[in-house]
PDB file of N, CA and C in Angstrom:
ATOM      1  N   MET A   1     -15.620   0.845 -12.995  1.00  0.00           N
ATOM      2  CA  MET A   1     -14.830   1.393 -11.332  1.00  0.00           C
ATOM      3  C   MET A   1     -14.744   0.562 -10.295  1.00  0.00           C
ATOM      4  N   LYS A   2     -15.777  -0.048  -9.859  1.00  0.00           N
ATOM      5  CA  LYS A   2     -15.700  -0.697  -8.999  1.00  0.00           C
ATOM      6  C   LYS A   2     -14.787  -1.810  -9.148  1.00  0.00           C
ATOM      7  N   PHE A   3     -14.433  -2.412 -10.186  1.00  0.00           N
ATOM      8  CA  PHE A   3     -13.109  -3.070 -10.117  1.00  0.00           C
ATOM      9  C   PHE A   3     -12.344  -2.512  -9.384  1.00  0.00           C
ATOM     10  N   LEU A   4     -11.347  -1.154  -9.489  1.00  0.00           N
ATOM     11  CA  LEU A   4     -10.294  -0.524  -9.262  1.00  0.00           C
ATOM     12  C   LEU A   4     -10.411   0.057  -8.078  1.00  0.00           C
ATOM     13  N   LYS A   5     -11.810   0.091  -7.821  1.00  0.00           N
ATOM     14  CA  LYS A   5     -11.956   0.116  -5.805  1.00  0.00           C
ATOM     15  C   LYS A   5     -11.379  -1.384  -5.204  1.00  0.00           C
ATOM     16  N   ILE A   6     -11.751  -1.938  -5.870  1.00  0.00           N
ATOM     17  CA  ILE A   6     -11.807  -3.361  -4.835  1.00  0.00           C
ATOM     18  C   ILE A   6     -10.126  -3.630  -4.890  1.00  0.00           C
ATOM     19  N   LEU A   7      -9.483  -3.160  -5.771  1.00  0.00           N
ATOM     20  CA  LEU A   7      -7.970  -3.319  -6.960  1.00  0.00           C
ATOM     21  C   LEU A   7      -7.076  -2.349  -5.862  1.00  0.00           C
ATOM     22  N   TYR A   8      -7.476  -1.522  -5.663  1.00  0.00           N
ATOM     23  CA  TYR A   8      -6.993  -0.443  -4.501  1.00  0.00           C
ATOM     24  C   TYR A   8      -6.946  -0.952  -3.096  1.00  0.00           C
ATOM     25  N   LEU A   9      -7.983  -1.368  -2.686  1.00  0.00           N
ATOM     26  CA  LEU A   9      -7.995  -2.088  -1.275  1.00  0.00           C
ATOM     27  C   LEU A   9      -7.690  -3.298  -1.648  1.00  0.00           C
ATOM     28  N   VAL A  10      -7.101  -3.682  -2.110  1.00  0.00           N
ATOM     29  CA  VAL A  10      -6.495  -5.195  -2.326  1.00  0.00           C
ATOM     30  C   VAL A  10      -5.094  -4.758  -2.267  1.00  0.00           C
ATOM     31  N   PHE A  11      -4.629  -4.436  -3.291  1.00  0.00           N
ATOM     32  CA  PHE A  11      -3.224  -3.756  -3.107  1.00  0.00           C
ATOM     33  C   PHE A  11      -3.025  -3.199  -1.869  1.00  0.00           C
ATOM     34  N   ALA A  12      -3.348  -2.423  -1.136  1.00  0.00           N
ATOM     35  CA  ALA A  12      -3.265  -2.074   0.481  1.00  0.00           C
ATOM     36  C   ALA A  12      -3.163  -2.681   1.407  1.00  0.00           C
ATOM     37  N   ALA A  13      -4.218  -3.348   1.202  1.00  0.00           N
ATOM     38  CA  ALA A  13      -4.142  -4.984   2.298  1.00  0.00           C
ATOM     39  C   ALA A  13      -2.687  -5.754   2.219  1.00  0.00           C
ATOM     40  N   ALA A  14      -2.341  -5.775   0.665  1.00  0.00           N
ATOM     41  CA  ALA A  14      -1.210  -6.791   0.335  1.00  0.00           C
ATOM     42  C   ALA A  14       0.020  -5.463   1.165  1.00  0.00           C
ATOM     43  N   MET A  15       0.132  -4.171   0.869  1.00  0.00           N
ATOM     44  CA  MET A  15       1.001  -3.675   1.439  1.00  0.00           C
ATOM     45  C   MET A  15       0.745  -3.676   2.981  1.00  0.00           C
ATOM     46  N   LEU A  16       0.273  -3.916   3.600  1.00  0.00           N
ATOM     47  CA  LEU A  16       0.050  -3.420   4.757  1.00  0.00           C
ATOM     48  C   LEU A  16       0.231  -5.234   5.896  1.00  0.00           C
ATOM     49  N   VAL A  17       0.084  -5.957   4.798  1.00  0.00           N
ATOM     50  CA  VAL A  17       0.853  -7.335   5.304  1.00  0.00           C
ATOM     51  C   VAL A  17       1.858  -7.483   5.143  1.00  0.00           C
ATOM     52  N   ASP A  18       2.471  -6.751   4.038  1.00  0.00           N
ATOM     53  CA  ASP A  18       3.983  -6.560   4.219  1.00  0.00           C
ATOM     54  C   ASP A  18       4.508  -5.839   4.936  1.00  0.00           C
ATOM     55  N   LEU A  19       4.102  -5.252   5.496  1.00  0.00           N
ATOM     56  CA  LEU A  19       4.813  -3.841   5.927  1.00  0.00           C
ATOM     57  C   LEU A  19       4.793  -4.484   7.499  1.00  0.00           C
ATOM     58  N   ILE A  20       4.179  -5.122   8.195  1.00  0.00           N
ATOM     59  CA  ILE A  20       3.744  -5.537   9.043  1.00  0.00           C
ATOM     60  C   ILE A  20       4.303  -7.145   9.383  1.00  0.00           C
ATOM     61  N   THR A  21       4.378  -7.759   8.515  1.00  0.00           N
ATOM     62  CA  THR A  21       5.765  -8.922   8.530  1.00  0.00           C
ATOM     63  C   THR A  21       7.248  -8.738   8.473  1.00  0.00           C
ATOM     64  N   SER A  22       7.953  -7.332   7.802  1.00  0.00           N
ATOM     65  CA  SER A  22       8.726  -7.083   8.319  1.00  0.00           C
ATOM     66  C   SER A  22       9.370  -6.437   9.352  1.00  0.00           C
ATOM     67  N   PHE A  23       8.584  -6.412  10.463  1.00  0.00           N
ATOM     68  CA  PHE A  23       8.687  -5.982  11.760  1.00  0.00           C
ATOM     69  C   PHE A  23       9.415  -7.580  12.346  1.00  0.00           C
ATOM     70  N   TYR A  24       8.932  -8.119  12.087  1.00  0.00           N
ATOM     71  CA  TYR A  24       9.296  -9.827  12.435  1.00  0.00           C
ATOM     72  C   TYR A  24       9.716 -10.391  11.419  1.00  0.00           C
ATOM     73  N   THR A  25      11.164 -10.235  10.176  1.00  0.00           N
ATOM     74  CA  THR A  25      12.069 -10.664  10.311  1.00  0.00           C
ATOM     75  C   THR A  25      13.510 -10.524  10.523  1.00  0.00           C
ATOM     76  N   THR A  26      14.340 -10.451  10.735  1.00  0.00           N
ATOM     77  CA  THR A  26      15.552 -10.646  11.897  1.00  0.00           C
ATOM     78  C   THR A  26      16.347  -9.650  10.035  1.00  0.00           C
ATOM     79  N   GLN A  27      16.068  -9.683   8.784  1.00  0.00           N
ATOM     80  CA  GLN A  27      16.588  -8.479   7.712  1.00  0.00           C
ATOM     81  C   GLN A  27      17.119  -7.553   8.243  1.00  0.00           C
ATOM     82  N   GLU A  28      18.490  -7.102   7.936  1.00  0.00           N
ATOM     83  CA  GLU A  28      18.824  -5.684   8.106  1.00  0.00           C
ATOM     84  C   GLU A  28      18.799  -4.845   6.440  1.00  0.00           C
ATOM     85  N   VAL A  29      19.117  -5.666   5.764  1.00  0.00           N
ATOM     86  CA  VAL A  29      18.799  -4.910   3.941  1.00  0.00           C
ATOM     87  C   VAL A  29      17.854  -5.808   3.312  1.00  0.00           C
ATOM     88  N   PHE A  30      16.880  -5.367   2.458  1.00  0.00           N
ATOM     89  CA  PHE A  30      15.958  -5.667   1.471  1.00  0.00           C
ATOM     90  C   PHE A  30      16.160  -5.532   0.450  1.00  0.00           C
ATOM     91  N   ARG A  31      15.975  -5.800  -0.616  1.00  0.00           N
ATOM     92  CA  ARG A  31      16.046  -5.751  -2.094  1.00  0.00           C
ATOM     93  C   ARG A  31      14.596  -4.901  -2.505  1.00  0.00           C
ATOM     94  N   VAL A  32      14.360  -4.090  -3.169  1.00  0.00           N
ATOM     95  CA  VAL A  32      14.141  -3.133  -4.054  1.00  0.00           C
ATOM     96  C   VAL A  32      14.387  -2.777  -4.795  1.00  0.00           C
ATOM     97  N   PHE A  33      13.552  -2.816  -6.030  1.00  0.00           N
ATOM     98  CA  PHE A  33      13.510  -2.836  -7.321  1.00  0.00           C
ATOM     99  C   PHE A  33      15.376  -2.833  -7.774  1.00  0.00           C
ATOM    100  N   PHE A  34      15.765  -4.223  -7.427  1.00  0.00           N
ATOM    101  CA  PHE A  34      17.343  -3.848  -7.975  1.00  0.00           C
ATOM    102  C   PHE A  34      18.392  -3.603  -6.960  1.00  0.00           C
ATOM    103  N   TRP A  35      17.820  -3.120  -5.833  1.00  0.00           N
ATOM    104  CA  TRP A  35      18.676  -1.753  -4.952  1.00  0.00           C
ATOM    105  C   TRP A  35      18.706  -2.595  -3.618  1.00  0.00           C
ATOM    106  N   GLU A  36      19.510  -2.567  -3.041  1.00  0.00           N
ATOM    107  CA  GLU A  36      19.402  -3.535  -1.676  1.00  0.00           C
ATOM    108  C   GLU A  36      19.497  -1.884  -0.766  1.00  0.00           C
ATOM    109  N   THR A  37      18.894  -1.610   0.127  1.00  0.00           N
ATOM    110  CA  THR A  37      18.166  -0.508   1.042  1.00  0.00           C
ATOM    111  C   THR A  37      18.040  -1.029   2.777  1.00  0.00           C
ATOM    112  N   ASN A  38      18.211  -0.399   3.367  1.00  0.00           N
ATOM    113  CA  ASN A  38      17.975  -0.154   4.846  1.00  0.00           C
ATOM    114  C   ASN A  38      16.831  -1.220   4.991  1.00  0.00           C
ATOM    115  N   ILE A  39      16.650  -2.006   6.372  1.00  0.00           N
ATOM    116  CA  ILE A  39      14.734  -1.830   6.316  1.00  0.00           C
ATOM    117  C   ILE A  39      14.442  -0.990   6.401  1.00  0.00           C
ATOM    118  N   TRP A  40      14.802   0.317   7.106  1.00  0.00           N
ATOM    119  CA  TRP A  40      13.251   1.150   7.561  1.00  0.00           C
ATOM    120  C   TRP A  40      13.196   2.486   6.318  1.00  0.00           C
ATOM    121  N   TRP A  41      14.296   2.099   5.270  1.00  0.00           N
ATOM    122  CA  TRP A  41      13.874   2.705   4.200  1.00  0.00           C
ATOM    123  C   TRP A  41      12.825   1.750   3.685  1.00  0.00           C
ATOM    124  N   TYR A  42      12.593   0.529   3.442  1.00  0.00           N
ATOM    125  CA  TYR A  42      11.537  -0.584   3.253  1.00  0.00           C
ATOM    126  C   TYR A  42      10.352  -0.517   3.627  1.00  0.00           C
ATOM    127  N   ARG A  43      10.213   0.072   4.449  1.00  0.00           N
ATOM    128  CA  ARG A  43       9.110   0.327   5.781  1.00  0.00           C
ATOM    129  C   ARG A  43       8.698   1.267   4.993  1.00  0.00           C
ATOM    130  N   LEU A  44       9.117   2.755   4.968  1.00  0.00           N
ATOM    131  CA  LEU A  44       9.101   3.599   4.599  1.00  0.00           C
ATOM    132  C   LEU A  44       8.061   3.534   2.843  1.00  0.00           C
ATOM    133  N   TYR A  45       9.022   2.890   2.352  1.00  0.00           N
ATOM    134  CA  TYR A  45       8.700   2.816   0.954  1.00  0.00           C
ATOM    135  C   TYR A  45       6.799   2.004   1.053  1.00  0.00           C
ATOM    136  N   LYS A  46       7.267   1.291   1.498  1.00  0.00           N
ATOM    137  CA  LYS A  46       5.723  -0.163   1.784  1.00  0.00           C
ATOM    138  C   LYS A  46       4.541   1.010   2.432  1.00  0.00           C
ATOM    139  N   LEU A  47       4.972   1.812   3.729  1.00  0.00           N
ATOM    140  CA  LEU A  47       4.120   2.903   3.993  1.00  0.00           C
ATOM    141  C   LEU A  47       3.842   3.657   3.095  1.00  0.00           C
ATOM    142  N   ALA A  48       4.356   3.994   2.341  1.00  0.00           N
ATOM    143  CA  ALA A  48       3.752   5.155   1.226  1.00  0.00           C
ATOM    144  C   ALA A  48       2.952   4.427   0.039  1.00  0.00           C
ATOM    145  N   PHE A  49       3.369   3.302   0.127  1.00  0.00           N
ATOM    146  CA  PHE A  49       2.546   2.947  -0.674  1.00  0.00           C
ATOM    147  C   PHE A  49       1.024   2.300  -0.603  1.00  0.00           C
ATOM    148  N   LEU A  50       1.006   2.171   1.266  1.00  0.00           N
ATOM    149  CA  LEU A  50      -0.315   1.808   1.336  1.00  0.00           C
ATOM    150  C   LEU A  50      -0.680   3.116   1.531  1.00  0.00           C
ATOM    151  N   LEU A  51      -0.183   4.439   1.998  1.00  0.00           N
ATOM    152  CA  LEU A  51      -1.444   5.147   2.001  1.00  0.00           C
ATOM    153  C   LEU A  51      -1.138   5.699   1.221  1.00  0.00           C
ATOM    154  N   ILE A  52      -0.770   6.000  -0.373  1.00  0.00           N
ATOM    155  CA  ILE A  52      -1.309   6.617  -1.492  1.00  0.00           C
ATOM    156  C   ILE A  52      -2.830   5.353  -1.595  1.00  0.00           C
ATOM    157  N   SER A  53      -2.414   4.217  -1.815  1.00  0.00           N
ATOM    158  CA  SER A  53      -3.514   3.380  -2.071  1.00  0.00           C
ATOM    159  C   SER A  53      -4.690   3.388  -1.511  1.00  0.00           C
ATOM    160  N   VAL A  54      -4.816   3.694  -0.233  1.00  0.00           N
ATOM    161  CA  VAL A  54      -5.698   3.978   0.286  1.00  0.00           C
ATOM    162  C   VAL A  54      -6.341   5.389   0.615  1.00  0.00           C
ATOM    163  N   ALA A  55      -5.446   6.499  -0.344  1.00  0.00           N
ATOM    164  CA  ALA A  55      -6.156   7.462  -0.430  1.00  0.00           C
ATOM    165  C   ALA A  55      -6.860   7.260  -1.710  1.00  0.00           C
ATOM    166  N   ALA A  56      -6.181   7.033  -2.604  1.00  0.00           N
ATOM    167  CA  ALA A  56      -7.403   6.493  -4.415  1.00  0.00           C
ATOM    168  C   ALA A  56      -8.215   5.341  -3.745  1.00  0.00           C
ATOM    169  N   PHE A  57      -8.211   5.142  -3.182  1.00  0.00           N
ATOM    170  CA  PHE A  57      -9.399   4.118  -2.759  1.00  0.00           C
ATOM    171  C   PHE A  57     -10.425   5.189  -1.662  1.00  0.00           C
ATOM    172  N   TRP A  58     -10.279   5.736  -0.827  1.00  0.00           N
ATOM    173  CA  TRP A  58     -11.408   7.264  -0.643  1.00  0.00           C
ATOM    174  C   TRP A  58     -11.572   7.990  -1.903  1.00  0.00           C
ATOM    175  N   ASP A  59     -10.327   8.229  -2.753  1.00  0.00           N
ATOM    176  CA  ASP A  59     -11.452   9.358  -3.380  1.00  0.00           C
ATOM    177  C   ASP A  59     -12.233   8.447  -3.990  1.00  0.00           C
ATOM    178  N   GLN A  60     -12.186   7.548  -4.886  1.00  0.00           N
ATOM    179  CA  GLN A  60     -13.190   6.528  -5.488  1.00  0.00           C
ATOM    180  C   GLN A  60     -14.627   6.466  -4.932  1.00  0.00           C
ATOM    181  N   GLN A  61     -14.282   6.181  -3.845  1.00  0.00           N
ATOM    182  CA  GLN A  61     -15.636   5.947  -2.771  1.00  0.00           C
ATOM    183  C   GLN A  61     -16.518   7.152  -3.079  1.00  0.00           C
ATOM    184  N   LYS A  62     -15.616   8.726  -2.943  1.00  0.00           N
ATOM    185  CA  LYS A  62     -16.164   9.688  -2.816  1.00  0.00           C
ATOM    186  C   LYS A  62     -16.879   9.791  -4.127  1.00  0.00           C
ATOM    187  N   ARG A  63     -15.497   9.514  -5.273  1.00  0.00           N
ATOM    188  CA  ARG A  63     -16.883   9.910  -6.471  1.00  0.00           C
ATOM    189  C   ARG A  63     -17.631   9.468  -7.062  1.00  0.00           C
ATOM    190  N   GLY A  64     -18.411   8.151  -6.586  1.00  0.00           N
ATOM    191  CA  GLY A  64     -19.235   7.103  -6.310  1.00  0.00           C
ATOM    192  C   GLY A  64     -20.221   7.674  -5.496  1.00  0.00           C
ATOM    193  N   LYS A  65     -20.250   7.797  -4.359  1.00  0.00           N
ATOM    194  CA  LYS A  65     -21.445   8.573  -3.979  1.00  0.00           C
ATOM    195  C   LYS A  65     -21.525   9.891  -4.302  1.00  0.00           C
ATOM    196  N   LEU A  66     -20.708  10.746  -4.813  1.00  0.00           N
ATOM    197  CA  LEU A  66     -21.725  11.865  -5.364  1.00  0.00           C
ATOM    198  C   LEU A  66     -21.827  11.575  -6.556  1.00  0.00           C
ATOM    199  N   ASN A  67     -21.890  10.944  -7.715  1.00  0.00           N
ATOM    200  CA  ASN A  67     -22.655  10.524  -9.037  1.00  0.00           C
ATOM    201  C   ASN A  67     -23.437   9.373  -8.478  1.00  0.00           C
ATOM    202  N   ASN A  68     -23.931   9.086  -7.663  1.00  0.00           N
ATOM    203  CA  ASN A  68     -25.254   8.123  -6.905  1.00  0.00           C
ATOM    204  C   ASN A  68     -26.347   9.097  -6.583  1.00  0.00           C
ATOM    205  N   GLN A  69     -25.714  10.259  -5.988  1.00  0.00           N
ATOM    206  CA  GLN A  69     -27.144  11.628  -5.866  1.00  0.00           C
ATOM    207  C   GLN A  69     -27.513  12.554  -6.119  1.00  0.00           C
TER     208      GLN A  69
END
Protein backbone atom coordinates (compact mmCIF):
# COMPACT_ATOMS: atom_id res chain seq x y z
CA MET A 1 0.00 0.00 0.00
CA LYS A 2 2.96 2.31 0.41
CA PHE A 3 3.45 2.26 -3.36
CA LEU A 4 -0.15 3.38 -3.84
CA LYS A 5 0.33 6.33 -1.47
CA ILE A 6 3.42 7.42 -3.36
CA LEU A 7 1.62 7.01 -6.68
CA TYR A 8 -1.20 9.29 -5.50
CA LEU A 9 1.33 11.87 -4.38
CA VAL A 10 3.26 11.76 -7.66
CA PHE A 11 0.02 12.06 -9.64
CA ALA A 12 -1.02 15.06 -7.54
CA ALA A 13 2.35 16.73 -8.09
CA ALA A 14 2.10 16.19 -11.84
CA MET A 15 -1.40 17.69 -11.90
CA LEU A 16 -0.22 20.67 -9.86
CA VAL A 17 2.70 21.34 -12.20
CA ASP A 18 0.45 21.05 -15.24
CA LEU A 19 -2.15 23.34 -13.67
CA ILE A 20 0.43 25.99 -12.84
CA THR A 21 2.01 25.86 -16.28
CA SER A 22 -1.40 26.30 -17.90
CA PHE A 23 -1.52 29.80 -16.42
CA TYR A 24 1.68 30.73 -18.28
CA THR A 25 0.57 29.61 -21.74
CA THR A 26 -1.17 31.77 -24.31
CA GLN A 27 -3.37 28.95 -25.60
CA GLU A 28 -7.11 29.49 -25.30
CA VAL A 29 -8.07 25.96 -26.37
CA PHE A 30 -6.70 22.70 -24.97
CA ARG A 31 -7.26 19.14 -26.11
CA VAL A 32 -8.65 16.82 -23.44
CA PHE A 33 -9.42 13.21 -24.42
CA PHE A 34 -9.87 14.04 -28.13
CA TRP A 35 -12.08 17.09 -27.42
CA GLU A 36 -11.09 20.69 -27.71
CA THR A 37 -12.07 22.66 -24.64
CA ASN A 38 -11.75 26.13 -23.23
CA ILE A 39 -8.71 26.83 -21.03
CA TRP A 40 -10.86 27.33 -17.92
CA TRP A 41 -12.58 23.96 -18.31
CA TYR A 42 -9.14 22.40 -18.74
CA ARG A 43 -7.95 24.04 -15.53
CA LEU A 44 -11.05 22.87 -13.64
CA TYR A 45 -10.43 19.34 -14.94
CA LYS A 46 -6.84 19.43 -13.70
CA LEU A 47 -7.89 20.92 -10.36
CA ALA A 48 -10.49 18.20 -9.87
CA PHE A 49 -7.97 15.43 -10.49
CA LEU A 50 -5.51 17.18 -8.19
CA LEU A 51 -8.04 17.34 -5.35
CA ILE A 52 -9.15 13.73 -5.89
CA SER A 53 -5.59 12.42 -5.75
CA VAL A 54 -4.74 14.49 -2.66
CA ALA A 55 -7.89 13.24 -0.94
CA ALA A 56 -6.98 9.64 -1.82
CA PHE A 57 -3.46 10.18 -0.46
CA TRP A 58 -4.81 11.55 2.83
CA ASP A 59 -7.25 8.65 3.06
CA GLN A 60 -4.39 6.18 2.64
CA GLN A 61 -2.39 8.06 5.28
CA LYS A 62 -5.28 7.82 7.76
CA ARG A 63 -5.76 4.13 7.07
CA GLY A 64 -2.07 3.50 7.63
CA LYS A 65 -2.12 5.33 10.95
CA LEU A 66 -5.22 3.43 12.11
CA ASN A 67 -3.68 0.08 11.19
CA ASN A 68 -0.44 0.86 13.03
CA GLN A 69 -2.11 1.61 16.36
